[in-house]
Amino acid sequence: MTRILLVEDNEMNRDMLSRRLSRRGFDVLIAENGKAGVELAASERPDLILMDMSLPVMDGWEATRQIKANPLTSTIPVIALTAHAMASDRDLALDAGCDDYDSKPVDLSQLVRKIEQLLTTSN
C-alpha cells in the first residue's frame, strides 16, 4: 500500500484530505508542522509527501529543503499544497525542492493524478 505523509496544520483540511486519500487506498501518515514532517519523513520513509507551505514551528519551504538535503529522504517526491496561487509561489515551492505544486482548495482527482505520476516516475 502506498504511504503518503500529509504535513498540514489545519485540522479541517488535514482530516478531510486524509479521509479522502484513505478512501482511494492510500495509507496516510500525519504531521501537524514542518519539524514533525521532517522527523516523520526520516523515520517512516513514506512513498510521497504532501506538504502545506504555511506551517507552524518550521514552514513547508524549510521542511522540504531539509527533506531533500537528507540522503535518507532526498528521493521522496514532495507535492506542495498551498493557498498561495501566484506563479511566484509555485516557483518558490519548486526552488525549495518540491517536485510538484497544487493550490488549495484541492481538486482530489487532479491531486491523485499528480501523486500517481510522481510515484510512477520515482520508481
PDB file of N, CA and C in Angstrom:
ATOM      1  N   MET A   1       0.844  -1.181   0.000  1.00  0.00           N
ATOM      2  CA  MET A   1       0.000   0.000   0.000  1.00  0.00           C
ATOM      3  C   MET A   1       0.891   1.247   0.000  1.00  0.00           C
ATOM      4  N   THR A   2       0.566   2.185  -0.842  1.00  0.00           N
ATOM      5  CA  THR A   2       1.329   3.426  -0.936  1.00  0.00           C
ATOM      6  C   THR A   2       1.124   4.276   0.314  1.00  0.00           C
ATOM      7  N   ARG A   3       2.245   4.707   0.911  1.00  0.00           N
ATOM      8  CA  ARG A   3       2.164   5.539   2.119  1.00  0.00           C
ATOM      9  C   ARG A   3       2.447   6.989   1.760  1.00  0.00           C
ATOM     10  N   ILE A   4       1.528   7.847   2.161  1.00  0.00           N
ATOM     11  CA  ILE A   4       1.656   9.280   1.918  1.00  0.00           C
ATOM     12  C   ILE A   4       1.751   9.993   3.255  1.00  0.00           C
ATOM     13  N   LEU A   5       2.750  10.857   3.378  1.00  0.00           N
ATOM     14  CA  LEU A   5       2.866  11.708   4.561  1.00  0.00           C
ATOM     15  C   LEU A   5       2.192  13.040   4.243  1.00  0.00           C
ATOM     16  N   LEU A   6       1.156  13.368   4.992  1.00  0.00           N
ATOM     17  CA  LEU A   6       0.442  14.633   4.834  1.00  0.00           C
ATOM     18  C   LEU A   6       0.902  15.568   5.944  1.00  0.00           C
ATOM     19  N   VAL A   7       1.559  16.661   5.557  1.00  0.00           N
ATOM     20  CA  VAL A   7       2.025  17.654   6.526  1.00  0.00           C
ATOM     21  C   VAL A   7       1.104  18.855   6.401  1.00  0.00           C
ATOM     22  N   GLU A   8       0.218  19.004   7.359  1.00  0.00           N
ATOM     23  CA  GLU A   8      -0.847  20.027   7.296  1.00  0.00           C
ATOM     24  C   GLU A   8      -1.210  20.425   8.717  1.00  0.00           C
ATOM     25  N   ASP A   9      -1.235  21.722   8.986  1.00  0.00           N
ATOM     26  CA  ASP A   9      -1.563  22.175  10.341  1.00  0.00           C
ATOM     27  C   ASP A   9      -3.053  22.426  10.545  1.00  0.00           C
ATOM     28  N   ASN A  10      -3.786  22.696   9.481  1.00  0.00           N
ATOM     29  CA  ASN A  10      -5.215  22.982   9.610  1.00  0.00           C
ATOM     30  C   ASN A  10      -5.981  21.670   9.803  1.00  0.00           C
ATOM     31  N   GLU A  11      -6.599  21.525  10.973  1.00  0.00           N
ATOM     32  CA  GLU A  11      -7.251  20.271  11.323  1.00  0.00           C
ATOM     33  C   GLU A  11      -8.338  19.873  10.327  1.00  0.00           C
ATOM     34  N   MET A  12      -9.144  20.837   9.910  1.00  0.00           N
ATOM     35  CA  MET A  12     -10.235  20.517   8.985  1.00  0.00           C
ATOM     36  C   MET A  12      -9.671  20.039   7.633  1.00  0.00           C
ATOM     37  N   ASN A  13      -8.679  20.752   7.106  1.00  0.00           N
ATOM     38  CA  ASN A  13      -8.064  20.342   5.834  1.00  0.00           C
ATOM     39  C   ASN A  13      -7.390  18.978   5.963  1.00  0.00           C
ATOM     40  N   ARG A  14      -6.696  18.793   7.086  1.00  0.00           N
ATOM     41  CA  ARG A  14      -5.962  17.539   7.327  1.00  0.00           C
ATOM     42  C   ARG A  14      -6.924  16.352   7.393  1.00  0.00           C
ATOM     43  N   ASP A  15      -7.990  16.497   8.177  1.00  0.00           N
ATOM     44  CA  ASP A  15      -8.944  15.399   8.331  1.00  0.00           C
ATOM     45  C   ASP A  15      -9.656  15.085   7.017  1.00  0.00           C
ATOM     46  N   MET A  16     -10.087  16.141   6.322  1.00  0.00           N
ATOM     47  CA  MET A  16     -10.808  15.946   5.066  1.00  0.00           C
ATOM     48  C   MET A  16      -9.928  15.258   4.030  1.00  0.00           C
ATOM     49  N   LEU A  17      -8.708  15.765   3.842  1.00  0.00           N
ATOM     50  CA  LEU A  17      -7.831  15.197   2.817  1.00  0.00           C
ATOM     51  C   LEU A  17      -7.361  13.792   3.193  1.00  0.00           C
ATOM     52  N   SER A  18      -7.048  13.573   4.451  1.00  0.00           N
ATOM     53  CA  SER A  18      -6.583  12.224   4.841  1.00  0.00           C
ATOM     54  C   SER A  18      -7.701  11.198   4.660  1.00  0.00           C
ATOM     55  N   ARG A  19      -8.944  11.546   4.991  1.00  0.00           N
ATOM     56  CA  ARG A  19     -10.053  10.600   4.797  1.00  0.00           C
ATOM     57  C   ARG A  19     -10.270  10.305   3.310  1.00  0.00           C
ATOM     58  N   ARG A  20     -10.209  11.357   2.480  1.00  0.00           N
ATOM     59  CA  ARG A  20     -10.423  11.159   1.044  1.00  0.00           C
ATOM     60  C   ARG A  20      -9.308  10.320   0.420  1.00  0.00           C
ATOM     61  N   LEU A  21      -8.070  10.536   0.855  1.00  0.00           N
ATOM     62  CA  LEU A  21      -6.951   9.739   0.330  1.00  0.00           C
ATOM     63  C   LEU A  21      -7.043   8.296   0.817  1.00  0.00           C
ATOM     64  N   SER A  22      -7.440   8.106   2.060  1.00  0.00           N
ATOM     65  CA  SER A  22      -7.600   6.742   2.594  1.00  0.00           C
ATOM     66  C   SER A  22      -8.658   5.979   1.808  1.00  0.00           C
ATOM     67  N   ARG A  23      -9.756   6.659   1.473  1.00  0.00           N
ATOM     68  CA  ARG A  23     -10.801   6.002   0.676  1.00  0.00           C
ATOM     69  C   ARG A  23     -10.292   5.615  -0.702  1.00  0.00           C
ATOM     70  N   ARG A  24      -9.279   6.310  -1.211  1.00  0.00           N
ATOM     71  CA  ARG A  24      -8.682   5.978  -2.515  1.00  0.00           C
ATOM     72  C   ARG A  24      -7.626   4.880  -2.396  1.00  0.00           C
ATOM     73  N   GLY A  25      -7.409   4.365  -1.165  1.00  0.00           N
ATOM     74  CA  GLY A  25      -6.490   3.252  -0.985  1.00  0.00           C
ATOM     75  C   GLY A  25      -5.098   3.610  -0.517  1.00  0.00           C
ATOM     76  N   PHE A  26      -4.874   4.871  -0.149  1.00  0.00           N
ATOM     77  CA  PHE A  26      -3.555   5.274   0.342  1.00  0.00           C
ATOM     78  C   PHE A  26      -3.505   5.137   1.858  1.00  0.00           C
ATOM     79  N   ASP A  27      -2.339   4.767   2.386  1.00  0.00           N
ATOM     80  CA  ASP A  27      -2.079   4.761   3.820  1.00  0.00           C
ATOM     81  C   ASP A  27      -1.525   6.150   4.145  1.00  0.00           C
ATOM     82  N   VAL A  28      -2.217   6.905   4.980  1.00  0.00           N
ATOM     83  CA  VAL A  28      -1.859   8.306   5.213  1.00  0.00           C
ATOM     84  C   VAL A  28      -1.261   8.486   6.606  1.00  0.00           C
ATOM     85  N   LEU A  29      -0.048   9.032   6.641  1.00  0.00           N
ATOM     86  CA  LEU A  29       0.615   9.430   7.879  1.00  0.00           C
ATOM     87  C   LEU A  29       0.391  10.928   8.041  1.00  0.00           C
ATOM     88  N   ILE A  30       0.336  11.409   9.275  1.00  0.00           N
ATOM     89  CA  ILE A  30       0.018  12.810   9.529  1.00  0.00           C
ATOM     90  C   ILE A  30       1.121  13.487  10.339  1.00  0.00           C
ATOM     91  N   ALA A  31       1.488  14.691   9.935  1.00  0.00           N
ATOM     92  CA  ALA A  31       2.331  15.572  10.739  1.00  0.00           C
ATOM     93  C   ALA A  31       1.661  16.942  10.744  1.00  0.00           C
ATOM     94  N   GLU A  32       1.691  17.610  11.896  1.00  0.00           N
ATOM     95  CA  GLU A  32       0.970  18.877  12.050  1.00  0.00           C
ATOM     96  C   GLU A  32       1.851  20.110  11.893  1.00  0.00           C
ATOM     97  N   ASN A  33       3.162  19.919  11.708  1.00  0.00           N
ATOM     98  CA  ASN A  33       4.054  21.056  11.457  1.00  0.00           C
ATOM     99  C   ASN A  33       5.267  20.572  10.667  1.00  0.00           C
ATOM    100  N   GLY A  34       6.056  21.509  10.159  1.00  0.00           N
ATOM    101  CA  GLY A  34       7.175  21.150   9.313  1.00  0.00           C
ATOM    102  C   GLY A  34       8.242  20.324  10.018  1.00  0.00           C
ATOM    103  N   LYS A  35       8.531  20.655  11.265  1.00  0.00           N
ATOM    104  CA  LYS A  35       9.560  19.905  12.014  1.00  0.00           C
ATOM    105  C   LYS A  35       9.136  18.456  12.203  1.00  0.00           C
ATOM    106  N   ALA A  36       7.879  18.254  12.584  1.00  0.00           N
ATOM    107  CA  ALA A  36       7.367  16.884  12.735  1.00  0.00           C
ATOM    108  C   ALA A  36       7.364  16.167  11.389  1.00  0.00           C
ATOM    109  N   GLY A  37       7.093  16.899  10.316  1.00  0.00           N
ATOM    110  CA  GLY A  37       7.108  16.307   8.980  1.00  0.00           C
ATOM    111  C   GLY A  37       8.492  15.818   8.589  1.00  0.00           C
ATOM    112  N   VAL A  38       9.523  16.616   8.882  1.00  0.00           N
ATOM    113  CA  VAL A  38      10.901  16.219   8.581  1.00  0.00           C
ATOM    114  C   VAL A  38      11.263  14.962   9.369  1.00  0.00           C
ATOM    115  N   GLU A  39      10.897  14.938  10.653  1.00  0.00           N
ATOM    116  CA  GLU A  39      11.223  13.793  11.510  1.00  0.00           C
ATOM    117  C   GLU A  39      10.478  12.535  11.052  1.00  0.00           C
ATOM    118  N   LEU A  40       9.204  12.682  10.714  1.00  0.00           N
ATOM    119  CA  LEU A  40       8.412  11.528  10.284  1.00  0.00           C
ATOM    120  C   LEU A  40       8.878  11.015   8.916  1.00  0.00           C
ATOM    121  N   ALA A  41       9.286  11.929   8.045  1.00  0.00           N
ATOM    122  CA  ALA A  41       9.811  11.514   6.731  1.00  0.00           C
ATOM    123  C   ALA A  41      11.043  10.631   6.914  1.00  0.00           C
ATOM    124  N   ALA A  42      11.928  11.011   7.837  1.00  0.00           N
ATOM    125  CA  ALA A  42      13.166  10.243   8.063  1.00  0.00           C
ATOM    126  C   ALA A  42      12.881   8.904   8.745  1.00  0.00           C
ATOM    127  N   SER A  43      11.940   8.883   9.670  1.00  0.00           N
ATOM    128  CA  SER A  43      11.698   7.643  10.416  1.00  0.00           C
ATOM    129  C   SER A  43      10.795   6.667   9.669  1.00  0.00           C
ATOM    130  N   GLU A  44       9.845   7.172   8.896  1.00  0.00           N
ATOM    131  CA  GLU A  44       8.863   6.300   8.238  1.00  0.00           C
ATOM    132  C   GLU A  44       9.108   6.098   6.756  1.00  0.00           C
ATOM    133  N   ARG A  45       9.903   6.989   6.129  1.00  0.00           N
ATOM    134  CA  ARG A  45      10.228   6.909   4.703  1.00  0.00           C
ATOM    135  C   ARG A  45       8.978   6.650   3.835  1.00  0.00           C
ATOM    136  N   PRO A  46       8.037   7.591   3.824  1.00  0.00           N
ATOM    137  CA  PRO A  46       6.825   7.419   3.017  1.00  0.00           C
ATOM    138  C   PRO A  46       7.164   7.407   1.523  1.00  0.00           C
ATOM    139  N   ASP A  47       6.196   6.993   0.713  1.00  0.00           N
ATOM    140  CA  ASP A  47       6.398   6.968  -0.737  1.00  0.00           C
ATOM    141  C   ASP A  47       6.295   8.360  -1.347  1.00  0.00           C
ATOM    142  N   LEU A  48       5.549   9.254  -0.681  1.00  0.00           N
ATOM    143  CA  LEU A  48       5.337  10.602  -1.210  1.00  0.00           C
ATOM    144  C   LEU A  48       4.916  11.510  -0.052  1.00  0.00           C
ATOM    145  N   ILE A  49       5.220  12.791  -0.180  1.00  0.00           N
ATOM    146  CA  ILE A  49       4.865  13.764   0.863  1.00  0.00           C
ATOM    147  C   ILE A  49       4.000  14.861   0.255  1.00  0.00           C
ATOM    148  N   LEU A  50       2.889  15.169   0.921  1.00  0.00           N
ATOM    149  CA  LEU A  50       2.061  16.334   0.592  1.00  0.00           C
ATOM    150  C   LEU A  50       2.378  17.385   1.638  1.00  0.00           C
ATOM    151  N   MET A  51       2.947  18.512   1.219  1.00  0.00           N
ATOM    152  CA  MET A  51       3.489  19.497   2.153  1.00  0.00           C
ATOM    153  C   MET A  51       2.751  20.828   2.044  1.00  0.00           C
ATOM    154  N   ASP A  52       2.008  21.174   3.105  1.00  0.00           N
ATOM    155  CA  ASP A  52       1.491  22.534   3.211  1.00  0.00           C
ATOM    156  C   ASP A  52       2.706  23.441   3.363  1.00  0.00           C
ATOM    157  N   MET A  53       2.652  24.648   2.843  1.00  0.00           N
ATOM    158  CA  MET A  53       3.823  25.512   2.905  1.00  0.00           C
ATOM    159  C   MET A  53       3.764  26.488   4.077  1.00  0.00           C
ATOM    160  N   SER A  54       2.579  26.872   4.506  1.00  0.00           N
ATOM    161  CA  SER A  54       2.447  27.789   5.647  1.00  0.00           C
ATOM    162  C   SER A  54       2.167  26.967   6.893  1.00  0.00           C
ATOM    163  N   LEU A  55       3.237  26.624   7.601  1.00  0.00           N
ATOM    164  CA  LEU A  55       3.138  25.736   8.757  1.00  0.00           C
ATOM    165  C   LEU A  55       3.774  26.375   9.987  1.00  0.00           C
ATOM    166  N   PRO A  56       3.311  25.997  11.178  1.00  0.00           N
ATOM    167  CA  PRO A  56       3.964  26.475  12.400  1.00  0.00           C
ATOM    168  C   PRO A  56       5.260  25.705  12.663  1.00  0.00           C
ATOM    169  N   VAL A  57       6.064  26.195  13.557  1.00  0.00           N
ATOM    170  CA  VAL A  57       7.327  25.618  14.017  1.00  0.00           C
ATOM    171  C   VAL A  57       8.386  25.695  12.913  1.00  0.00           C
ATOM    172  N   MET A  58       8.144  25.069  11.769  1.00  0.00           N
ATOM    173  CA  MET A  58       9.030  25.128  10.601  1.00  0.00           C
ATOM    174  C   MET A  58       8.132  25.155   9.370  1.00  0.00           C
ATOM    175  N   ASP A  59       8.319  26.167   8.503  1.00  0.00           N
ATOM    176  CA  ASP A  59       7.428  26.261   7.337  1.00  0.00           C
ATOM    177  C   ASP A  59       7.748  25.161   6.312  1.00  0.00           C
ATOM    178  N   GLY A  60       6.856  25.000   5.343  1.00  0.00           N
ATOM    179  CA  GLY A  60       6.984  23.933   4.364  1.00  0.00           C
ATOM    180  C   GLY A  60       8.183  24.099   3.443  1.00  0.00           C
ATOM    181  N   TRP A  61       8.610  25.324   3.186  1.00  0.00           N
ATOM    182  CA  TRP A  61       9.774  25.553   2.334  1.00  0.00           C
ATOM    183  C   TRP A  61      11.028  24.999   3.023  1.00  0.00           C
ATOM    184  N   GLU A  62      11.210  25.340   4.311  1.00  0.00           N
ATOM    185  CA  GLU A  62      12.385  24.851   5.049  1.00  0.00           C
ATOM    186  C   GLU A  62      12.301  23.337   5.271  1.00  0.00           C
ATOM    187  N   ALA A  63      11.112  22.853   5.590  1.00  0.00           N
ATOM    188  CA  ALA A  63      10.956  21.402   5.786  1.00  0.00           C
ATOM    189  C   ALA A  63      11.329  20.651   4.510  1.00  0.00           C
ATOM    190  N   THR A  64      10.889  21.146   3.364  1.00  0.00           N
ATOM    191  CA  THR A  64      11.214  20.497   2.089  1.00  0.00           C
ATOM    192  C   THR A  64      12.720  20.549   1.828  1.00  0.00           C
ATOM    193  N   ARG A  65      13.341  21.715   2.098  1.00  0.00           N
ATOM    194  CA  ARG A  65      14.802  21.810   1.914  1.00  0.00           C
ATOM    195  C   ARG A  65      15.524  20.762   2.762  1.00  0.00           C
ATOM    196  N   GLN A  66      15.085  20.592   4.020  1.00  0.00           N
ATOM    197  CA  GLN A  66      15.744  19.617   4.897  1.00  0.00           C
ATOM    198  C   GLN A  66      15.496  18.180   4.429  1.00  0.00           C
ATOM    199  N   ILE A  67      14.286  17.899   3.973  1.00  0.00           N
ATOM    200  CA  ILE A  67      13.969  16.549   3.463  1.00  0.00           C
ATOM    201  C   ILE A  67      14.826  16.246   2.230  1.00  0.00           C
ATOM    202  N   LYS A  68      14.953  17.212   1.334  1.00  0.00           N
ATOM    203  CA  LYS A  68      15.723  16.987   0.111  1.00  0.00           C
ATOM    204  C   LYS A  68      17.239  16.967   0.365  1.00  0.00           C
ATOM    205  N   ALA A  69      17.686  17.563   1.479  1.00  0.00           N
ATOM    206  CA  ALA A  69      19.123  17.560   1.803  1.00  0.00           C
ATOM    207  C   ALA A  69      19.549  16.281   2.519  1.00  0.00           C
ATOM    208  N   ASN A  70      18.609  15.538   3.055  1.00  0.00           N
ATOM    209  CA  ASN A  70      18.920  14.309   3.793  1.00  0.00           C
ATOM    210  C   ASN A  70      18.973  13.135   2.814  1.00  0.00           C
ATOM    211  N   PRO A  71      20.101  12.415   2.741  1.00  0.00           N
ATOM    212  CA  PRO A  71      20.197  11.282   1.811  1.00  0.00           C
ATOM    213  C   PRO A  71      19.124  10.215   2.033  1.00  0.00           C
ATOM    214  N   LEU A  72      18.616  10.094   3.269  1.00  0.00           N
ATOM    215  CA  LEU A  72      17.566   9.105   3.561  1.00  0.00           C
ATOM    216  C   LEU A  72      16.220   9.481   2.943  1.00  0.00           C
ATOM    217  N   THR A  73      15.994  10.772   2.738  1.00  0.00           N
ATOM    218  CA  THR A  73      14.673  11.222   2.281  1.00  0.00           C
ATOM    219  C   THR A  73      14.713  12.013   0.971  1.00  0.00           C
ATOM    220  N   SER A  74      15.889  12.223   0.426  1.00  0.00           N
ATOM    221  CA  SER A  74      16.024  13.123  -0.726  1.00  0.00           C
ATOM    222  C   SER A  74      15.266  12.671  -1.967  1.00  0.00           C
ATOM    223  N   THR A  75      15.015  11.375  -2.114  1.00  0.00           N
ATOM    224  CA  THR A  75      14.342  10.891  -3.326  1.00  0.00           C
ATOM    225  C   THR A  75      12.814  10.803  -3.157  1.00  0.00           C
ATOM    226  N   ILE A  76      12.302  11.105  -1.967  1.00  0.00           N
ATOM    227  CA  ILE A  76      10.853  11.055  -1.756  1.00  0.00           C
ATOM    228  C   ILE A  76      10.213  12.240  -2.475  1.00  0.00           C
ATOM    229  N   PRO A  77       9.280  11.983  -3.401  1.00  0.00           N
ATOM    230  CA  PRO A  77       8.618  13.102  -4.079  1.00  0.00           C
ATOM    231  C   PRO A  77       7.803  13.945  -3.095  1.00  0.00           C
ATOM    232  N   VAL A  78       7.861  15.263  -3.284  1.00  0.00           N
ATOM    233  CA  VAL A  78       7.120  16.202  -2.432  1.00  0.00           C
ATOM    234  C   VAL A  78       6.217  17.056  -3.329  1.00  0.00           C
ATOM    235  N   ILE A  79       4.937  17.093  -2.985  1.00  0.00           N
ATOM    236  CA  ILE A  79       3.990  17.982  -3.661  1.00  0.00           C
ATOM    237  C   ILE A  79       3.627  19.093  -2.685  1.00  0.00           C
ATOM    238  N   ALA A  80       3.863  20.331  -3.078  1.00  0.00           N
ATOM    239  CA  ALA A  80       3.492  21.480  -2.256  1.00  0.00           C
ATOM    240  C   ALA A  80       1.991  21.702  -2.365  1.00  0.00           C
ATOM    241  N   LEU A  81       1.362  21.935  -1.216  1.00  0.00           N
ATOM    242  CA  LEU A  81      -0.056  22.291  -1.180  1.00  0.00           C
ATOM    243  C   LEU A  81      -0.154  23.646  -0.508  1.00  0.00           C
ATOM    244  N   THR A  82      -0.714  24.616  -1.211  1.00  0.00           N
ATOM    245  CA  THR A  82      -0.777  25.945  -0.617  1.00  0.00           C
ATOM    246  C   THR A  82      -1.953  26.745  -1.158  1.00  0.00           C
ATOM    247  N   ALA A  83      -2.410  27.654  -0.330  1.00  0.00           N
ATOM    248  CA  ALA A  83      -3.465  28.577  -0.760  1.00  0.00           C
ATOM    249  C   ALA A  83      -2.882  29.700  -1.606  1.00  0.00           C
ATOM    250  N   HIS A  84      -1.555  29.812  -1.625  1.00  0.00           N
ATOM    251  CA  HIS A  84      -0.880  30.833  -2.435  1.00  0.00           C
ATOM    252  C   HIS A  84      -0.871  30.348  -3.882  1.00  0.00           C
ATOM    253  N   ALA A  85      -1.602  31.027  -4.744  1.00  0.00           N
ATOM    254  CA  ALA A  85      -1.800  30.530  -6.107  1.00  0.00           C
ATOM    255  C   ALA A  85      -1.065  31.340  -7.167  1.00  0.00           C
ATOM    256  N   MET A  86      -0.175  32.221  -6.775  1.00  0.00           N
ATOM    257  CA  MET A  86       0.561  33.017  -7.751  1.00  0.00           C
ATOM    258  C   MET A  86       1.678  32.168  -8.378  1.00  0.00           C
ATOM    259  N   ALA A  87       2.070  32.514  -9.599  1.00  0.00           N
ATOM    260  CA  ALA A  87       3.142  31.782 -10.278  1.00  0.00           C
ATOM    261  C   ALA A  87       4.429  31.842  -9.461  1.00  0.00           C
ATOM    262  N   SER A  88       4.672  32.974  -8.796  1.00  0.00           N
ATOM    263  CA  SER A  88       5.886  33.094  -7.982  1.00  0.00           C
ATOM    264  C   SER A  88       5.857  32.116  -6.802  1.00  0.00           C
ATOM    265  N   ASP A  89       4.668  31.825  -6.263  1.00  0.00           N
ATOM    266  CA  ASP A  89       4.563  30.858  -5.167  1.00  0.00           C
ATOM    267  C   ASP A  89       4.944  29.464  -5.648  1.00  0.00           C
ATOM    268  N   ARG A  90       4.509  29.122  -6.870  1.00  0.00           N
ATOM    269  CA  ARG A  90       4.882  27.839  -7.459  1.00  0.00           C
ATOM    270  C   ARG A  90       6.401  27.764  -7.612  1.00  0.00           C
ATOM    271  N   ASP A  91       6.987  28.838  -8.114  1.00  0.00           N
ATOM    272  CA  ASP A  91       8.440  28.865  -8.305  1.00  0.00           C
ATOM    273  C   ASP A  91       9.177  28.724  -6.977  1.00  0.00           C
ATOM    274  N   LEU A  92       8.680  29.380  -5.925  1.00  0.00           N
ATOM    275  CA  LEU A  92       9.314  29.266  -4.605  1.00  0.00           C
ATOM    276  C   LEU A  92       9.265  27.826  -4.101  1.00  0.00           C
ATOM    277  N   ALA A  93       8.116  27.163  -4.302  1.00  0.00           N
ATOM    278  CA  ALA A  93       7.977  25.772  -3.869  1.00  0.00           C
ATOM    279  C   ALA A  93       8.937  24.870  -4.639  1.00  0.00           C
ATOM    280  N   LEU A  94       9.020  25.054  -5.948  1.00  0.00           N
ATOM    281  CA  LEU A  94       9.926  24.229  -6.755  1.00  0.00           C
ATOM    282  C   LEU A  94      11.379  24.518  -6.403  1.00  0.00           C
ATOM    283  N   ASP A  95      11.706  25.798  -6.139  1.00  0.00           N
ATOM    284  CA  ASP A  95      13.072  26.152  -5.731  1.00  0.00           C
ATOM    285  C   ASP A  95      13.456  25.510  -4.400  1.00  0.00           C
ATOM    286  N   ALA A  96      12.474  25.308  -3.523  1.00  0.00           N
ATOM    287  CA  ALA A  96      12.741  24.672  -2.222  1.00  0.00           C
ATOM    288  C   ALA A  96      12.986  23.171  -2.383  1.00  0.00           C
ATOM    289  N   GLY A  97      12.644  22.614  -3.558  1.00  0.00           N
ATOM    290  CA  GLY A  97      12.875  21.195  -3.804  1.00  0.00           C
ATOM    291  C   GLY A  97      11.612  20.388  -4.044  1.00  0.00           C
ATOM    292  N   CYS A  98      10.446  21.048  -3.987  1.00  0.00           N
ATOM    293  CA  CYS A  98       9.205  20.328  -4.256  1.00  0.00           C
ATOM    294  C   CYS A  98       9.209  19.828  -5.702  1.00  0.00           C
ATOM    295  N   ASP A  99       8.630  18.660  -5.916  1.00  0.00           N
ATOM    296  CA  ASP A  99       8.583  18.058  -7.247  1.00  0.00           C
ATOM    297  C   ASP A  99       7.364  18.513  -8.036  1.00  0.00           C
ATOM    298  N   ASP A 100       6.346  18.966  -7.331  1.00  0.00           N
ATOM    299  CA  ASP A 100       5.145  19.479  -7.996  1.00  0.00           C
ATOM    300  C   ASP A 100       4.444  20.404  -7.027  1.00  0.00           C
ATOM    301  N   TYR A 101       3.355  20.975  -7.484  1.00  0.00           N
ATOM    302  CA  TYR A 101       2.676  22.033  -6.753  1.00  0.00           C
ATOM    303  C   TYR A 101       1.191  21.922  -7.017  1.00  0.00           C
ATOM    304  N   ASP A 102       0.380  22.131  -6.000  1.00  0.00           N
ATOM    305  CA  ASP A 102      -1.066  22.182  -6.194  1.00  0.00           C
ATOM    306  C   ASP A 102      -1.620  23.224  -5.241  1.00  0.00           C
ATOM    307  N   SER A 103      -2.632  23.948  -5.704  1.00  0.00           N
ATOM    308  CA  SER A 103      -3.203  25.004  -4.877  1.00  0.00           C
ATOM    309  C   SER A 103      -4.467  24.509  -4.189  1.00  0.00           C
ATOM    310  N   LYS A 104      -4.767  25.137  -3.058  1.00  0.00           N
ATOM    311  CA  LYS A 104      -5.976  24.837  -2.307  1.00  0.00           C
ATOM    312  C   LYS A 104      -7.080  25.782  -2.762  1.00  0.00           C
ATOM    313  N   PRO A 105      -8.314  25.383  -2.734  1.00  0.00           N
ATOM    314  CA  PRO A 105      -8.778  24.072  -2.298  1.00  0.00           C
ATOM    315  C   PRO A 105      -8.362  22.984  -3.283  1.00  0.00           C
ATOM    316  N   VAL A 106      -8.084  21.813  -2.726  1.00  0.00           N
ATOM    317  CA  VAL A 106      -7.545  20.715  -3.519  1.00  0.00           C
ATOM    318  C   VAL A 106      -8.624  20.098  -4.393  1.00  0.00           C
ATOM    319  N   ASP A 107      -8.293  19.907  -5.665  1.00  0.00           N
ATOM    320  CA  ASP A 107      -9.118  19.115  -6.586  1.00  0.00           C
ATOM    321  C   ASP A 107      -8.568  17.691  -6.465  1.00  0.00           C
ATOM    322  N   LEU A 108      -9.292  16.811  -5.762  1.00  0.00           N
ATOM    323  CA  LEU A 108      -8.755  15.494  -5.427  1.00  0.00           C
ATOM    324  C   LEU A 108      -8.363  14.683  -6.659  1.00  0.00           C
ATOM    325  N   SER A 109      -9.184  14.710  -7.701  1.00  0.00           N
ATOM    326  CA  SER A 109      -8.847  13.940  -8.909  1.00  0.00           C
ATOM    327  C   SER A 109      -7.533  14.428  -9.508  1.00  0.00           C
ATOM    328  N   GLN A 110      -7.359  15.745  -9.572  1.00  0.00           N
ATOM    329  CA  GLN A 110      -6.119  16.312 -10.104  1.00  0.00           C
ATOM    330  C   GLN A 110      -4.933  15.953  -9.211  1.00  0.00           C
ATOM    331  N   LEU A 111      -5.124  16.036  -7.895  1.00  0.00           N
ATOM    332  CA  LEU A 111      -4.045  15.708  -6.962  1.00  0.00           C
ATOM    333  C   LEU A 111      -3.654  14.232  -7.077  1.00  0.00           C
ATOM    334  N   VAL A 112      -4.628  13.346  -7.172  1.00  0.00           N
ATOM    335  CA  VAL A 112      -4.325  11.907  -7.285  1.00  0.00           C
ATOM    336  C   VAL A 112      -3.570  11.639  -8.585  1.00  0.00           C
ATOM    337  N   ARG A 113      -3.925  12.333  -9.673  1.00  0.00           N
ATOM    338  CA  ARG A 113      -3.167  12.166 -10.932  1.00  0.00           C
ATOM    339  C   ARG A 113      -1.708  12.573 -10.735  1.00  0.00           C
ATOM    340  N   LYS A 114      -1.487  13.681 -10.042  1.00  0.00           N
ATOM    341  CA  LYS A 114      -0.108  14.127  -9.784  1.00  0.00           C
ATOM    342  C   LYS A 114       0.632  13.118  -8.901  1.00  0.00           C
ATOM    343  N   ILE A 115      -0.045  12.602  -7.878  1.00  0.00           N
ATOM    344  CA  ILE A 115       0.560  11.597  -6.993  1.00  0.00           C
ATOM    345  C   ILE A 115       0.966  10.377  -7.806  1.00  0.00           C
ATOM    346  N   GLU A 116       0.049   9.857  -8.615  1.00  0.00           N
ATOM    347  CA  GLU A 116       0.337   8.650  -9.397  1.00  0.00           C
ATOM    348  C   GLU A 116       1.461   8.889 -10.397  1.00  0.00           C
ATOM    349  N   GLN A 117       1.475  10.075 -11.020  1.00  0.00           N
ATOM    350  CA  GLN A 117       2.536  10.392 -11.974  1.00  0.00           C
ATOM    351  C   GLN A 117       3.901  10.432 -11.283  1.00  0.00           C
ATOM    352  N   LEU A 118       3.977  11.077 -10.129  1.00  0.00           N
ATOM    353  CA  LEU A 118       5.258  11.157  -9.423  1.00  0.00           C
ATOM    354  C   LEU A 118       5.703   9.791  -8.912  1.00  0.00           C
ATOM    355  N   LEU A 119       4.752   8.979  -8.452  1.00  0.00           N
ATOM    356  CA  LEU A 119       5.111   7.644  -7.974  1.00  0.00           C
ATOM    357  C   LEU A 119       5.623   6.782  -9.120  1.00  0.00           C
ATOM    358  N   THR A 120       5.050   6.935 -10.304  1.00  0.00           N
ATOM    359  CA  THR A 120       5.491   6.178 -11.479  1.00  0.00           C
ATOM    360  C   THR A 120       6.902   6.591 -11.889  1.00  0.00           C
ATOM    361  N   THR A 121       7.175   7.891 -11.910  1.00  0.00           N
ATOM    362  CA  THR A 121       8.489   8.354 -12.361  1.00  0.00           C
ATOM    363  C   THR A 121       9.570   8.164 -11.308  1.00  0.00           C
ATOM    364  N   SER A 122       9.188   8.067 -10.030  1.00  0.00           N
ATOM    365  CA  SER A 122      10.208   7.907  -8.984  1.00  0.00           C
ATOM    366  C   SER A 122      10.597   6.451  -8.772  1.00  0.00           C
ATOM    367  N   ASN A 123       9.807   5.511  -9.315  1.00  0.00           N
ATOM    368  CA  ASN A 123      10.120   4.078  -9.145  1.00  0.00           C
ATOM    369  C   ASN A 123      10.904   3.526 -10.296  1.00  0.00           C
TER     370      ASN A 123
END
